[in-house]
Protein backbone atom coordinates (compact mmCIF):
# COMPACT_ATOMS: atom_id res chain seq x y z
CA MET A 1 -21.54 26.03 51.05
CA ASN A 2 -18.88 28.75 50.38
CA SER A 3 -19.85 30.48 47.02
CA ASP A 4 -16.16 31.48 46.37
CA TYR A 5 -15.69 28.41 44.27
CA GLY A 6 -18.39 29.29 41.76
CA ALA A 7 -19.36 26.62 39.17
CA ALA A 8 -16.53 24.28 40.49
CA ALA A 9 -17.99 23.99 43.68
CA GLY A 10 -18.78 20.34 43.93
CA LEU A 11 -16.60 18.99 41.02
CA GLY A 12 -13.28 18.64 42.56
CA ILE A 13 -9.85 19.54 40.97
CA GLY A 14 -9.19 16.17 39.52
CA PHE A 15 -12.35 16.18 37.71
CA ILE A 16 -11.59 19.49 36.26
CA ILE A 17 -8.04 18.49 35.21
CA ILE A 18 -9.42 15.44 33.56
CA MET A 19 -11.89 17.40 31.66
CA ILE A 20 -9.25 19.88 30.52
CA VAL A 21 -6.96 16.96 29.22
CA ILE A 22 -9.92 15.33 27.28
CA TYR A 23 -10.76 18.73 25.80
CA LEU A 24 -7.32 19.37 24.55
CA ALA A 25 -7.13 15.69 23.22
CA LEU A 26 -10.30 16.26 21.29
CA ILE A 27 -8.82 19.40 19.71
CA ALA A 28 -5.60 17.49 18.87
CA LEU A 29 -7.52 14.66 17.21
CA GLY A 30 -9.51 17.08 15.09
CA ILE A 31 -6.59 18.89 13.83
CA TRP A 32 -4.93 15.59 13.08
CA ILE A 33 -7.85 14.23 11.27
CA GLN A 34 -8.02 17.61 9.24
CA TYR A 35 -4.33 17.12 8.48
CA LEU A 36 -4.85 13.64 7.15
CA ILE A 37 -7.85 14.90 4.97
CA MET A 38 -5.90 17.85 3.55
CA ARG A 39 -2.74 15.79 2.79
CA THR A 40 -5.02 13.31 0.86
CA ALA A 41 -6.58 16.11 -1.02
CA VAL A 42 -3.31 17.92 -1.96
CA LYS A 43 -1.75 14.49 -3.12
CA ASN A 44 -4.93 13.48 -5.33
CA GLY A 45 -4.94 17.23 -6.72
CA VAL A 46 -1.23 17.04 -7.62
CA LYS A 47 -1.66 13.75 -9.17
CA LEU A 48 -4.81 14.73 -11.23
CA ALA A 49 -3.01 17.70 -12.45
CA MET A 50 0.03 15.70 -13.61
CA GLN A 51 -2.26 13.42 -15.40
CA GLU A 52 -4.05 16.10 -17.11
CA SER A 53 -1.01 17.72 -18.27
CA GLY A 54 0.55 14.50 -19.57
CA GLN A 55 3.58 14.23 -17.06
CA GLN A 56 4.18 11.21 -15.32
CA PHE A 57 3.92 10.97 -11.64
CA PRO A 58 7.56 11.18 -10.12
CA PRO A 59 8.53 7.90 -8.48
CA MET A 60 8.84 8.06 -4.79
CA HIS A 61 12.29 6.28 -4.63
CA PRO A 62 15.06 5.53 -7.00
CA TYR A 63 14.70 2.54 -9.48
CA GLN A 64 16.11 -0.84 -8.24
CA PRO A 65 16.51 -3.65 -10.79
CA PRO A 66 15.01 -6.84 -9.80
CA GLN A 67 17.00 -9.34 -7.71
CA PRO A 68 18.13 -12.68 -9.09
CA PRO A 69 16.21 -15.49 -7.72
CA TYR A 70 17.12 -17.16 -4.55
CA GLN A 71 19.62 -20.09 -5.27
CA GLY A 72 19.77 -21.45 -1.80
CA PRO A 73 22.79 -21.43 0.72
CA PRO A 74 26.17 -21.68 -1.03
CA SER A 75 27.34 -25.22 -1.22
CA VAL A 76 30.64 -26.20 0.65
């Protein structure tokens, strides 16, 4: 066997590419999970700080008054 290939001698280039893709996917998954944890921690921290200071948590959307009850289709 030719030793020019080193550690990849019997693996094949397809296997190496698949392993690189899986490696990068695991890194991306780890970063995404850390982002979700950090986002939740910051949101909870801001909410706790506003509760302790007596401020109200800001609404996420503008106030909309309640809609009147559904009266059915208009009669002709």
